[in-house]
């Protein structure tokens, strides 16, 4: 069975996009191109195959290998998990400042603004 462009759920696409942000540079150039086209740009395998001059199965295999590599990097390095945990902690800090009414204090307002800036990035 070949994968169609709709097989990946929105949550999975979000996960894969995040993994790609962290580890995409470690993929081979052809894997990056086909992963981006399939997962990030939502092209189907036939469209990518035509563009790349290979078969749909070749695209499927390349994208599947890229996904496996990205997940393997995360399993070994855990950068996305660490980043996600840091984002949660920053939100908790921001929420505690808000709840304590500290956002009116100039010093705490500066800290609050820094936390907001980190969350935006």
PDB file of N, CA and C in Angstrom:
ATOM      1  N   UNK A   1       0.847  -1.187   0.000  1.00  0.00           N
ATOM      2  CA  UNK A   1       0.000   0.000   0.000  1.00  0.00           C
ATOM      3  C   UNK A   1       0.886   1.242   0.000  1.00  0.00           C
ATOM      4  N   UNK A   2       0.574   2.198  -0.830  1.00  0.00           N
ATOM      5  CA  UNK A   2       1.342   3.439  -0.858  1.00  0.00           C
ATOM      6  C   UNK A   2       0.648   4.483  -0.008  1.00  0.00           C
ATOM      7  N   UNK A   3       1.417   5.407   0.494  1.00  0.00           N
ATOM      8  CA  UNK A   3       0.898   6.472   1.339  1.00  0.00           C
ATOM      9  C   UNK A   3       0.353   7.581   0.438  1.00  0.00           C
ATOM     10  N   UNK A   4      -0.842   8.053   0.739  1.00  0.00           N
ATOM     11  CA  UNK A   4      -1.383   9.198   0.020  1.00  0.00           C
ATOM     12  C   UNK A   4      -1.107  10.434   0.847  1.00  0.00           C
ATOM     13  N   UNK A   5      -1.292  11.586   0.234  1.00  0.00           N
ATOM     14  CA  UNK A   5      -0.967  12.813   0.950  1.00  0.00           C
ATOM     15  C   UNK A   5      -1.868  13.048   2.152  1.00  0.00           C
ATOM     16  N   UNK A   6      -3.020  12.398   2.204  1.00  0.00           N
ATOM     17  CA  UNK A   6      -3.963  12.607   3.306  1.00  0.00           C
ATOM     18  C   UNK A   6      -3.782  11.599   4.428  1.00  0.00           C
ATOM     19  N   UNK A   7      -2.815  10.678   4.295  1.00  0.00           N
ATOM     20  CA  UNK A   7      -2.657   9.639   5.297  1.00  0.00           C
ATOM     21  C   UNK A   7      -2.132  10.187   6.623  1.00  0.00           C
ATOM     22  N   UNK A   8      -1.342  11.221   6.590  1.00  0.00           N
ATOM     23  CA  UNK A   8      -0.778  11.791   7.814  1.00  0.00           C
ATOM     24  C   UNK A   8      -1.796  12.753   8.438  1.00  0.00           C
ATOM     25  N   UNK A   9      -2.110  12.504   9.711  1.00  0.00           N
ATOM     26  CA  UNK A   9      -3.041  13.374  10.415  1.00  0.00           C
ATOM     27  C   UNK A   9      -2.411  14.739  10.654  1.00  0.00           C
ATOM     28  N   UNK A  10      -3.228  15.687  11.027  1.00  0.00           N
ATOM     29  CA  UNK A  10      -2.728  17.031  11.316  1.00  0.00           C
ATOM     30  C   UNK A  10      -1.725  16.984  12.470  1.00  0.00           C
ATOM     31  N   UNK A  11      -2.034  16.200  13.499  1.00  0.00           N
ATOM     32  CA  UNK A  11      -1.113  16.085  14.640  1.00  0.00           C
ATOM     33  C   UNK A  11       0.221  15.488  14.217  1.00  0.00           C
ATOM     34  N   UNK A  12       0.163  14.479  13.345  1.00  0.00           N
ATOM     35  CA  UNK A  12       1.404  13.867  12.877  1.00  0.00           C
ATOM     36  C   UNK A  12       2.195  14.849  12.016  1.00  0.00           C
ATOM     37  N   UNK A  13       1.503  15.608  11.172  1.00  0.00           N
ATOM     38  CA  UNK A  13       2.183  16.613  10.350  1.00  0.00           C
ATOM     39  C   UNK A  13       2.853  17.666  11.235  1.00  0.00           C
ATOM     40  N   UNK A  14       2.182  18.048  12.300  1.00  0.00           N
ATOM     41  CA  UNK A  14       2.751  19.013  13.242  1.00  0.00           C
ATOM     42  C   UNK A  14       4.011  18.439  13.890  1.00  0.00           C
ATOM     43  N   UNK A  15       3.932  17.187  14.324  1.00  0.00           N
ATOM     44  CA  UNK A  15       5.086  16.512  14.919  1.00  0.00           C
ATOM     45  C   UNK A  15       6.234  16.440  13.914  1.00  0.00           C
ATOM     46  N   UNK A  16       5.928  16.040  12.685  1.00  0.00           N
ATOM     47  CA  UNK A  16       6.965  15.898  11.663  1.00  0.00           C
ATOM     48  C   UNK A  16       7.568  17.250  11.295  1.00  0.00           C
ATOM     49  N   UNK A  17       6.755  18.279  11.266  1.00  0.00           N
ATOM     50  CA  UNK A  17       7.263  19.627  10.981  1.00  0.00           C
ATOM     51  C   UNK A  17       8.240  20.077  12.056  1.00  0.00           C
ATOM     52  N   UNK A  18       7.896  19.781  13.289  1.00  0.00           N
ATOM     53  CA  UNK A  18       8.768  20.154  14.405  1.00  0.00           C
ATOM     54  C   UNK A  18      10.079  19.370  14.330  1.00  0.00           C
ATOM     55  N   UNK A  19       9.978  18.079  14.074  1.00  0.00           N
ATOM     56  CA  UNK A  19      11.185  17.269  13.928  1.00  0.00           C
ATOM     57  C   UNK A  19      12.052  17.802  12.787  1.00  0.00           C
ATOM     58  N   UNK A  20      11.404  18.196  11.697  1.00  0.00           N
ATOM     59  CA  UNK A  20      12.136  18.724  10.545  1.00  0.00           C
ATOM     60  C   UNK A  20      12.828  20.038  10.898  1.00  0.00           C
ATOM     61  N   UNK A  21      12.158  20.882  11.670  1.00  0.00           N
ATOM     62  CA  UNK A  21      12.773  22.149  12.088  1.00  0.00           C
ATOM     63  C   UNK A  21      14.073  21.903  12.847  1.00  0.00           C
ATOM     64  N   UNK A  22      14.085  20.874  13.681  1.00  0.00           N
ATOM     65  CA  UNK A  22      15.254  20.588  14.497  1.00  0.00           C
ATOM     66  C   UNK A  22      16.321  19.778  13.758  1.00  0.00           C
ATOM     67  N   UNK A  23      15.884  18.812  12.954  1.00  0.00           N
ATOM     68  CA  UNK A  23      16.836  17.852  12.394  1.00  0.00           C
ATOM     69  C   UNK A  23      16.874  17.803  10.865  1.00  0.00           C
ATOM     70  N   UNK A  24      16.092  18.599  10.194  1.00  0.00           N
ATOM     71  CA  UNK A  24      16.002  18.545   8.736  1.00  0.00           C
ATOM     72  C   UNK A  24      17.336  18.710   8.028  1.00  0.00           C
ATOM     73  N   UNK A  25      18.204  19.523   8.575  1.00  0.00           N
ATOM     74  CA  UNK A  25      19.506  19.761   7.950  1.00  0.00           C
ATOM     75  C   UNK A  25      20.370  18.501   7.930  1.00  0.00           C
ATOM     76  N   UNK A  26      20.018  17.510   8.733  1.00  0.00           N
ATOM     77  CA  UNK A  26      20.784  16.270   8.783  1.00  0.00           C
ATOM     78  C   UNK A  26      20.369  15.267   7.703  1.00  0.00           C
ATOM     79  N   UNK A  27      19.267  15.550   7.022  1.00  0.00           N
ATOM     80  CA  UNK A  27      18.799  14.669   5.949  1.00  0.00           C
ATOM     81  C   UNK A  27      19.584  14.934   4.669  1.00  0.00           C
ATOM     82  N   UNK A  28      19.585  13.947   3.787  1.00  0.00           N
ATOM     83  CA  UNK A  28      20.175  14.137   2.461  1.00  0.00           C
ATOM     84  C   UNK A  28      19.316  15.138   1.693  1.00  0.00           C
ATOM     85  N   UNK A  29      19.928  15.805   0.735  1.00  0.00           N
ATOM     86  CA  UNK A  29      19.234  16.851  -0.033  1.00  0.00           C
ATOM     87  C   UNK A  29      17.945  16.328  -0.678  1.00  0.00           C
ATOM     88  N   UNK A  30      18.004  15.153  -1.307  1.00  0.00           N
ATOM     89  CA  UNK A  30      16.792  14.625  -1.958  1.00  0.00           C
ATOM     90  C   UNK A  30      15.719  14.276  -0.932  1.00  0.00           C
ATOM     91  N   UNK A  31      16.107  13.827   0.241  1.00  0.00           N
ATOM     92  CA  UNK A  31      15.143  13.544   1.305  1.00  0.00           C
ATOM     93  C   UNK A  31      14.478  14.829   1.782  1.00  0.00           C
ATOM     94  N   UNK A  32      15.282  15.888   1.911  1.00  0.00           N
ATOM     95  CA  UNK A  32      14.715  17.185   2.328  1.00  0.00           C
ATOM     96  C   UNK A  32      13.702  17.681   1.311  1.00  0.00           C
ATOM     97  N   UNK A  33      14.073  17.648   0.039  1.00  0.00           N
ATOM     98  CA  UNK A  33      13.168  18.128  -1.013  1.00  0.00           C
ATOM     99  C   UNK A  33      11.841  17.377  -1.008  1.00  0.00           C
ATOM    100  N   UNK A  34      11.931  16.055  -0.974  1.00  0.00           N
ATOM    101  CA  UNK A  34      10.714  15.246  -1.054  1.00  0.00           C
ATOM    102  C   UNK A  34       9.903  15.315   0.234  1.00  0.00           C
ATOM    103  N   UNK A  35      10.570  15.381   1.380  1.00  0.00           N
ATOM    104  CA  UNK A  35       9.866  15.531   2.650  1.00  0.00           C
ATOM    105  C   UNK A  35       9.109  16.858   2.660  1.00  0.00           C
ATOM    106  N   UNK A  36       9.796  17.927   2.294  1.00  0.00           N
ATOM    107  CA  UNK A  36       9.157  19.247   2.267  1.00  0.00           C
ATOM    108  C   UNK A  36       7.953  19.251   1.336  1.00  0.00           C
ATOM    109  N   UNK A  37       8.119  18.683   0.153  1.00  0.00           N
ATOM    110  CA  UNK A  37       7.022  18.667  -0.811  1.00  0.00           C
ATOM    111  C   UNK A  37       5.839  17.864  -0.279  1.00  0.00           C
ATOM    112  N   UNK A  38       6.110  16.715   0.309  1.00  0.00           N
ATOM    113  CA  UNK A  38       5.039  15.840   0.778  1.00  0.00           C
ATOM    114  C   UNK A  38       4.401  16.315   2.080  1.00  0.00           C
ATOM    115  N   UNK A  39       5.211  16.553   3.072  1.00  0.00           N
ATOM    116  CA  UNK A  39       4.691  16.844   4.416  1.00  0.00           C
ATOM    117  C   UNK A  39       4.397  18.329   4.610  1.00  0.00           C
ATOM    118  N   UNK A  40       5.299  19.186   4.183  1.00  0.00           N
ATOM    119  CA  UNK A  40       5.124  20.615   4.442  1.00  0.00           C
ATOM    120  C   UNK A  40       4.252  21.308   3.398  1.00  0.00           C
ATOM    121  N   UNK A  41       4.384  20.889   2.132  1.00  0.00           N
ATOM    122  CA  UNK A  41       3.623  21.545   1.065  1.00  0.00           C
ATOM    123  C   UNK A  41       2.407  20.742   0.625  1.00  0.00           C
ATOM    124  N   UNK A  42       2.272  19.521   1.130  1.00  0.00           N
ATOM    125  CA  UNK A  42       1.109  18.668   0.899  1.00  0.00           C
ATOM    126  C   UNK A  42       0.919  18.260  -0.567  1.00  0.00           C
ATOM    127  N   UNK A  43       2.031  18.087  -1.297  1.00  0.00           N
ATOM    128  CA  UNK A  43       1.940  17.560  -2.652  1.00  0.00           C
ATOM    129  C   UNK A  43       1.772  16.046  -2.561  1.00  0.00           C
ATOM    130  N   UNK A  44       1.069  15.453  -3.535  1.00  0.00           N
ATOM    131  CA  UNK A  44       0.952  13.999  -3.506  1.00  0.00           C
ATOM    132  C   UNK A  44       2.178  13.380  -4.163  1.00  0.00           C
ATOM    133  N   UNK A  45       2.338  12.085  -3.968  1.00  0.00           N
ATOM    134  CA  UNK A  45       3.532  11.403  -4.444  1.00  0.00           C
ATOM    135  C   UNK A  45       3.658  11.445  -5.966  1.00  0.00           C
ATOM    136  N   UNK A  46       2.540  11.433  -6.667  1.00  0.00           N
ATOM    137  CA  UNK A  46       2.580  11.495  -8.138  1.00  0.00           C
ATOM    138  C   UNK A  46       3.170  12.824  -8.596  1.00  0.00           C
ATOM    139  N   UNK A  47       2.761  13.912  -7.948  1.00  0.00           N
ATOM    140  CA  UNK A  47       3.277  15.231  -8.299  1.00  0.00           C
ATOM    141  C   UNK A  47       4.780  15.318  -8.032  1.00  0.00           C
ATOM    142  N   UNK A  48       5.184  14.795  -6.884  1.00  0.00           N
ATOM    143  CA  UNK A  48       6.602  14.830  -6.512  1.00  0.00           C
ATOM    144  C   UNK A  48       7.409  13.947  -7.460  1.00  0.00           C
ATOM    145  N   UNK A  49       6.880  12.764  -7.761  1.00  0.00           N
ATOM    146  CA  UNK A  49       7.573  11.829  -8.656  1.00  0.00           C
ATOM    147  C   UNK A  49       7.800  12.468 -10.025  1.00  0.00           C
ATOM    148  N   UNK A  50       6.804  13.142 -10.538  1.00  0.00           N
ATOM    149  CA  UNK A  50       6.918  13.805 -11.830  1.00  0.00           C
ATOM    150  C   UNK A  50       8.014  14.871 -11.778  1.00  0.00           C
ATOM    151  N   UNK A  51       8.013  15.638 -10.704  1.00  0.00           N
ATOM    152  CA  UNK A  51       9.001  16.706 -10.518  1.00  0.00           C
ATOM    153  C   UNK A  51      10.418  16.152 -10.361  1.00  0.00           C
ATOM    154  N   UNK A  52      10.545  15.032  -9.641  1.00  0.00           N
ATOM    155  CA  UNK A  52      11.854  14.438  -9.352  1.00  0.00           C
ATOM    156  C   UNK A  52      12.338  13.491 -10.446  1.00  0.00           C
ATOM    157  N   UNK A  53      11.418  13.088 -11.329  1.00  0.00           N
ATOM    158  CA  UNK A  53      11.792  12.148 -12.383  1.00  0.00           C
ATOM    159  C   UNK A  53      11.991  10.729 -11.882  1.00  0.00           C
ATOM    160  N   UNK A  54      11.224  10.355 -10.838  1.00  0.00           N
ATOM    161  CA  UNK A  54      11.291   8.990 -10.304  1.00  0.00           C
ATOM    162  C   UNK A  54       9.869   8.458 -10.153  1.00  0.00           C
ATOM    163  N   UNK A  55       9.745   7.245  -9.642  1.00  0.00           N
ATOM    164  CA  UNK A  55       8.426   6.631  -9.470  1.00  0.00           C
ATOM    165  C   UNK A  55       7.773   7.112  -8.170  1.00  0.00           C
ATOM    166  N   UNK A  56       6.464   6.903  -8.104  1.00  0.00           N
ATOM    167  CA  UNK A  56       5.729   7.216  -6.867  1.00  0.00           C
ATOM    168  C   UNK A  56       6.291   6.402  -5.706  1.00  0.00           C
ATOM    169  N   UNK A  57       6.609   5.131  -5.991  1.00  0.00           N
ATOM    170  CA  UNK A  57       7.166   4.258  -4.961  1.00  0.00           C
ATOM    171  C   UNK A  57       8.507   4.793  -4.468  1.00  0.00           C
ATOM    172  N   UNK A  58       9.295   5.330  -5.375  1.00  0.00           N
ATOM    173  CA  UNK A  58      10.573   5.924  -4.993  1.00  0.00           C
ATOM    174  C   UNK A  58      10.382   7.109  -4.058  1.00  0.00           C
ATOM    175  N   UNK A  59       9.381   7.933  -4.351  1.00  0.00           N
ATOM    176  CA  UNK A  59       9.070   9.061  -3.477  1.00  0.00           C
ATOM    177  C   UNK A  59       8.605   8.551  -2.119  1.00  0.00           C
ATOM    178  N   UNK A  60       7.690   7.574  -2.143  1.00  0.00           N
ATOM    179  CA  UNK A  60       7.168   6.998  -0.901  1.00  0.00           C
ATOM    180  C   UNK A  60       8.307   6.487  -0.025  1.00  0.00           C
ATOM    181  N   UNK A  61       9.223   5.721  -0.627  1.00  0.00           N
ATOM    182  CA  UNK A  61      10.341   5.150   0.129  1.00  0.00           C
ATOM    183  C   UNK A  61      11.256   6.240   0.690  1.00  0.00           C
ATOM    184  N   UNK A  62      11.512   7.264  -0.098  1.00  0.00           N
ATOM    185  CA  UNK A  62      12.390   8.352   0.339  1.00  0.00           C
ATOM    186  C   UNK A  62      11.773   9.124   1.504  1.00  0.00           C
ATOM    187  N   UNK A  63      10.486   9.449   1.403  1.00  0.00           N
ATOM    188  CA  UNK A  63       9.799  10.181   2.473  1.00  0.00           C
ATOM    189  C   UNK A  63       9.736   9.317   3.730  1.00  0.00           C
ATOM    190  N   UNK A  64       9.447   8.034   3.549  1.00  0.00           N
ATOM    191  CA  UNK A  64       9.374   7.121   4.693  1.00  0.00           C
ATOM    192  C   UNK A  64      10.729   7.034   5.405  1.00  0.00           C
ATOM    193  N   UNK A  65      11.826   6.948   4.626  1.00  0.00           N
ATOM    194  CA  UNK A  65      13.170   6.906   5.223  1.00  0.00           C
ATOM    195  C   UNK A  65      13.488   8.214   5.951  1.00  0.00           C
ATOM    196  N   UNK A  66      13.079   9.329   5.363  1.00  0.00           N
ATOM    197  CA  UNK A  66      13.328  10.627   5.999  1.00  0.00           C
ATOM    198  C   UNK A  66      12.604  10.715   7.339  1.00  0.00           C
ATOM    199  N   UNK A  67      11.357  10.275   7.357  1.00  0.00           N
ATOM    200  CA  UNK A  67      10.577  10.290   8.611  1.00  0.00           C
ATOM    201  C   UNK A  67      11.237   9.393   9.657  1.00  0.00           C
ATOM    202  N   UNK A  68      11.675   8.228   9.231  1.00  0.00           N
ATOM    203  CA  UNK A  68      12.337   7.299  10.156  1.00  0.00           C
ATOM    204  C   UNK A  68      13.613   7.926  10.723  1.00  0.00           C
ATOM    205  N   UNK A  69      14.389   8.593   9.880  1.00  0.00           N
ATOM    206  CA  UNK A  69      15.616   9.246  10.346  1.00  0.00           C
ATOM    207  C   UNK A  69      15.297  10.361  11.338  1.00  0.00           C
ATOM    208  N   UNK A  70      14.300  11.206  11.022  1.00  0.00           N
ATOM    209  CA  UNK A  70      13.947  12.307  11.913  1.00  0.00           C
ATOM    210  C   UNK A  70      13.526  11.782  13.281  1.00  0.00           C
ATOM    211  N   UNK A  71      12.705  10.746  13.283  1.00  0.00           N
ATOM    212  CA  UNK A  71      12.262  10.162  14.558  1.00  0.00           C
ATOM    213  C   UNK A  71      13.433   9.509  15.295  1.00  0.00           C
ATOM    214  N   UNK A  72      14.351   8.923  14.549  1.00  0.00           N
ATOM    215  CA  UNK A  72      15.537   8.331  15.169  1.00  0.00           C
ATOM    216  C   UNK A  72      16.423   9.379  15.833  1.00  0.00           C
ATOM    217  N   UNK A  73      16.598  10.514  15.153  1.00  0.00           N
ATOM    218  CA  UNK A  73      17.375  11.607  15.752  1.00  0.00           C
ATOM    219  C   UNK A  73      16.727  12.084  17.042  1.00  0.00           C
ATOM    220  N   UNK A  74      15.397  12.214  17.027  1.00  0.00           N
ATOM    221  CA  UNK A  74      14.699  12.670  18.224  1.00  0.00           C
ATOM    222  C   UNK A  74      14.832  11.651  19.350  1.00  0.00           C
ATOM    223  N   UNK A  75      14.742  10.375  18.993  1.00  0.00           N
ATOM    224  CA  UNK A  75      14.873   9.323  20.007  1.00  0.00           C
ATOM    225  C   UNK A  75      16.244   9.390  20.681  1.00  0.00           C
ATOM    226  N   UNK A  76      17.282   9.673  19.890  1.00  0.00           N
ATOM    227  CA  UNK A  76      18.642   9.727  20.435  1.00  0.00           C
ATOM    228  C   UNK A  76      18.948  11.047  21.140  1.00  0.00           C
ATOM    229  N   UNK A  77      18.479  12.149  20.579  1.00  0.00           N
ATOM    230  CA  UNK A  77      18.873  13.463  21.093  1.00  0.00           C
ATOM    231  C   UNK A  77      17.808  14.142  21.958  1.00  0.00           C
ATOM    232  N   UNK A  78      16.552  13.912  21.651  1.00  0.00           N
ATOM    233  CA  UNK A  78      15.459  14.446  22.464  1.00  0.00           C
ATOM    234  C   UNK A  78      15.324  15.963  22.464  1.00  0.00           C
ATOM    235  N   UNK A  79      15.798  16.638  21.423  1.00  0.00           N
ATOM    236  CA  UNK A  79      15.758  18.101  21.408  1.00  0.00           C
ATOM    237  C   UNK A  79      14.336  18.661  21.350  1.00  0.00           C
ATOM    238  N   UNK A  80      13.464  18.026  20.597  1.00  0.00           N
ATOM    239  CA  UNK A  80      12.085  18.506  20.486  1.00  0.00           C
ATOM    240  C   UNK A  80      11.371  18.337  21.824  1.00  0.00           C
ATOM    241  N   UNK A  81      11.589  17.208  22.468  1.00  0.00           N
ATOM    242  CA  UNK A  81      10.974  16.973  23.775  1.00  0.00           C
ATOM    243  C   UNK A  81      11.449  18.005  24.799  1.00  0.00           C
ATOM    244  N   UNK A  82      12.749  18.285  24.795  1.00  0.00           N
ATOM    245  CA  UNK A  82      13.301  19.283  25.721  1.00  0.00           C
ATOM    246  C   UNK A  82      12.734  20.670  25.425  1.00  0.00           C
ATOM    247  N   UNK A  83      12.653  21.011  24.158  1.00  0.00           N
ATOM    248  CA  UNK A  83      12.106  22.309  23.756  1.00  0.00           C
ATOM    249  C   UNK A  83      10.647  22.437  24.192  1.00  0.00           C
ATOM    250  N   UNK A  84       9.871  21.395  23.958  1.00  0.00           N
ATOM    251  CA  UNK A  84       8.452  21.407  24.331  1.00  0.00           C
ATOM    252  C   UNK A  84       8.292  21.563  25.845  1.00  0.00           C
ATOM    253  N   UNK A  85       9.112  20.865  26.598  1.00  0.00           N
ATOM    254  CA  UNK A  85       9.061  20.970  28.058  1.00  0.00           C
ATOM    255  C   UNK A  85       9.446  22.384  28.515  1.00  0.00           C
ATOM    256  N   UNK A  86      10.465  22.957  27.897  1.00  0.00           N
ATOM    257  CA  UNK A  86      10.862  24.325  28.246  1.00  0.00           C
ATOM    258  C   UNK A  86       9.732  25.314  27.947  1.00  0.00           C
ATOM    259  N   UNK A  87       9.053  25.131  26.836  1.00  0.00           N
ATOM    260  CA  UNK A  87       7.930  26.011  26.492  1.00  0.00           C
ATOM    261  C   UNK A  87       6.827  25.922  27.550  1.00  0.00           C
ATOM    262  N   UNK A  88       6.549  24.714  28.021  1.00  0.00           N
ATOM    263  CA  UNK A  88       5.535  24.534  29.067  1.00  0.00           C
ATOM    264  C   UNK A  88       5.945  25.258  30.348  1.00  0.00           C
ATOM    265  N   UNK A  89       7.211  25.119  30.724  1.00  0.00           N
ATOM    266  CA  UNK A  89       7.694  25.769  31.950  1.00  0.00           C
ATOM    267  C   UNK A  89       7.648  27.289  31.833  1.00  0.00           C
ATOM    268  N   UNK A  90       7.999  27.803  30.674  1.00  0.00           N
ATOM    269  CA  UNK A  90       7.947  29.250  30.457  1.00  0.00           C
ATOM    270  C   UNK A  90       6.514  29.748  30.566  1.00  0.00           C
ATOM    271  N   UNK A  91       5.569  29.004  30.001  1.00  0.00           N
ATOM    272  CA  UNK A  91       4.154  29.383  30.101  1.00  0.00           C
ATOM    273  C   UNK A  91       3.694  29.356  31.550  1.00  0.00           C
ATOM    274  N   UNK A  92       4.139  28.360  32.302  1.00  0.00           N
ATOM    275  CA  UNK A  92       3.778  28.290  33.721  1.00  0.00           C
ATOM    276  C   UNK A  92       4.320  29.498  34.478  1.00  0.00           C
ATOM    277  N   UNK A  93       5.573  29.878  34.199  1.00  0.00           N
ATOM    278  CA  UNK A  93       6.155  31.062  34.834  1.00  0.00           C
ATOM    279  C   UNK A  93       5.344  32.318  34.508  1.00  0.00           C
ATOM    280  N   UNK A  94       5.025  32.470  33.231  1.00  0.00           N
ATOM    281  CA  UNK A  94       4.245  33.625  32.799  1.00  0.00           C
ATOM    282  C   UNK A  94       2.887  33.649  33.504  1.00  0.00           C
ATOM    283  N   UNK A  95       2.236  32.498  33.547  1.00  0.00           N
ATOM    284  CA  UNK A  95       0.916  32.408  34.189  1.00  0.00           C
ATOM    285  C   UNK A  95       0.992  32.716  35.683  1.00  0.00           C
ATOM    286  N   UNK A  96       2.065  32.266  36.341  1.00  0.00           N
ATOM    287  CA  UNK A  96       2.224  32.544  37.776  1.00  0.00           C
ATOM    288  C   UNK A  96       2.450  34.041  38.021  1.00  0.00           C
ATOM    289  N   UNK A  97       3.214  34.690  37.151  1.00  0.00           N
ATOM    290  CA  UNK A  97       3.400  36.140  37.271  1.00  0.00           C
ATOM    291  C   UNK A  97       2.068  36.862  37.111  1.00  0.00           C
ATOM    292  N   UNK A  98       1.288  36.422  36.135  1.00  0.00           N
ATOM    293  CA  UNK A  98      -0.031  37.033  35.917  1.00  0.00           C
ATOM    294  C   UNK A  98      -0.940  36.815  37.114  1.00  0.00           C
ATOM    295  N   UNK A  99      -0.995  35.572  37.594  1.00  0.00           N
ATOM    296  CA  UNK A  99      -1.880  35.225  38.705  1.00  0.00           C
ATOM    297  C   UNK A  99      -1.508  35.969  39.984  1.00  0.00           C
ATOM    298  N   UNK A 100      -0.221  36.211  40.179  1.00  0.00           N
ATOM    299  CA  UNK A 100       0.246  36.900  41.385  1.00  0.00           C
ATOM    300  C   UNK A 100       0.113  38.415  41.251  1.00  0.00           C
ATOM    301  N   UNK A 101      -0.345  38.879  40.109  1.00  0.00           N
ATOM    302  CA  UNK A 101      -0.485  40.308  39.898  1.00  0.00           C
ATOM    303  C   UNK A 101       0.855  41.008  39.778  1.00  0.00           C
ATOM    304  N   UNK A 102       1.881  40.273  39.463  1.00  0.00           N
ATOM    305  CA  UNK A 102       3.228  40.820  39.401  1.00  0.00           C
ATOM    306  C   UNK A 102       3.489  41.599  38.115  1.00  0.00           C
ATOM    307  N   UNK A 103       2.602  41.521  37.161  1.00  0.00           N
ATOM    308  CA  UNK A 103       2.866  42.154  35.870  1.00  0.00           C
ATOM    309  C   UNK A 103       2.785  43.676  35.942  1.00  0.00           C
ATOM    310  N   UNK A 104       2.292  44.202  37.050  1.00  0.00           N
ATOM    311  CA  UNK A 104       2.243  45.651  37.222  1.00  0.00           C
ATOM    312  C   UNK A 104       3.565  46.213  37.733  1.00  0.00           C
ATOM    313  N   UNK A 105       4.338  45.401  38.433  1.00  0.00           N
ATOM    314  CA  UNK A 105       5.636  45.781  38.948  1.00  0.00           C
ATOM    315  C   UNK A 105       6.611  45.888  37.774  1.00  0.00           C
ATOM    316  N   UNK A 106       7.374  46.985  37.696  1.00  0.00           N
ATOM    317  CA  UNK A 106       8.272  47.233  36.558  1.00  0.00           C
ATOM    318  C   UNK A 106       9.287  46.120  36.344  1.00  0.00           C
ATOM    319  N   UNK A 107       9.913  45.651  37.422  1.00  0.00           N
ATOM    320  CA  UNK A 107      10.918  44.596  37.289  1.00  0.00           C
ATOM    321  C   UNK A 107      10.277  43.303  36.794  1.00  0.00           C
ATOM    322  N   UNK A 108       9.142  42.962  37.362  1.00  0.00           N
ATOM    323  CA  UNK A 108       8.472  41.742  36.943  1.00  0.00           C
ATOM    324  C   UNK A 108       7.871  41.901  35.548  1.00  0.00           C
ATOM    325  N   UNK A 109       7.485  43.101  35.190  1.00  0.00           N
ATOM    326  CA  UNK A 109       6.966  43.351  33.841  1.00  0.00           C
ATOM    327  C   UNK A 109       8.047  43.063  32.801  1.00  0.00           C
ATOM    328  N   UNK A 110       9.279  43.424  33.126  1.00  0.00           N
ATOM    329  CA  UNK A 110      10.387  43.141  32.219  1.00  0.00           C
ATOM    330  C   UNK A 110      10.589  41.629  32.060  1.00  0.00           C
ATOM    331  N   UNK A 111      10.522  40.914  33.170  1.00  0.00           N
ATOM    332  CA  UNK A 111      10.632  39.446  33.116  1.00  0.00           C
ATOM    333  C   UNK A 111       9.476  38.864  32.314  1.00  0.00           C
ATOM    334  N   UNK A 112       8.282  39.360  32.580  1.00  0.00           N
ATOM    335  CA  UNK A 112       7.088  38.899  31.873  1.00  0.00           C
ATOM    336  C   UNK A 112       7.240  39.136  30.367  1.00  0.00           C
ATOM    337  N   UNK A 113       7.727  40.297  29.978  1.00  0.00           N
ATOM    338  CA  UNK A 113       7.921  40.614  28.562  1.00  0.00           C
ATOM    339  C   UNK A 113       8.960  39.695  27.917  1.00  0.00           C
ATOM    340  N   UNK A 114      10.019  39.381  28.655  1.00  0.00           N
ATOM    341  CA  UNK A 114      11.015  38.442  28.144  1.00  0.00           C
ATOM    342  C   UNK A 114      10.406  37.057  27.923  1.00  0.00           C
ATOM    343  N   UNK A 115       9.590  36.618  28.866  1.00  0.00           N
ATOM    344  CA  UNK A 115       8.922  35.324  28.723  1.00  0.00           C
ATOM    345  C   UNK A 115       7.997  35.325  27.491  1.00  0.00           C
ATOM    346  N   UNK A 116       7.273  36.411  27.317  1.00  0.00           N
ATOM    347  CA  UNK A 116       6.390  36.531  26.149  1.00  0.00           C
ATOM    348  C   UNK A 116       7.188  36.459  24.856  1.00  0.00           C
ATOM    349  N   UNK A 117       8.334  37.122  24.843  1.00  0.00           N
ATOM    350  CA  UNK A 117       9.180  37.129  23.635  1.00  0.00           C
ATOM    351  C   UNK A 117       9.698  35.714  23.330  1.00  0.00           C
ATOM    352  N   UNK A 118      10.100  34.990  24.357  1.00  0.00           N
ATOM    353  CA  UNK A 118      10.575  33.623  24.166  1.00  0.00           C
ATOM    354  C   UNK A 118       9.452  32.756  23.605  1.00  0.00           C
ATOM    355  N   UNK A 119       8.251  32.914  24.109  1.00  0.00           N
ATOM    356  CA  UNK A 119       7.118  32.104  23.643  1.00  0.00           C
ATOM    357  C   UNK A 119       6.751  32.402  22.199  1.00  0.00           C
ATOM    358  N   UNK A 120       7.002  33.617  21.744  1.00  0.00           N
ATOM    359  CA  UNK A 120       6.685  33.996  20.361  1.00  0.00           C
ATOM    360  C   UNK A 120       7.620  33.316  19.376  1.00  0.00           C
ATOM    361  N   UNK A 121       8.851  33.064  19.775  1.00  0.00           N
ATOM    362  CA  UNK A 121       9.863  32.534  18.855  1.00  0.00           C
ATOM    363  C   UNK A 121       9.725  31.066  18.632  1.00  0.00           C
TER     364      UNK A 121
END
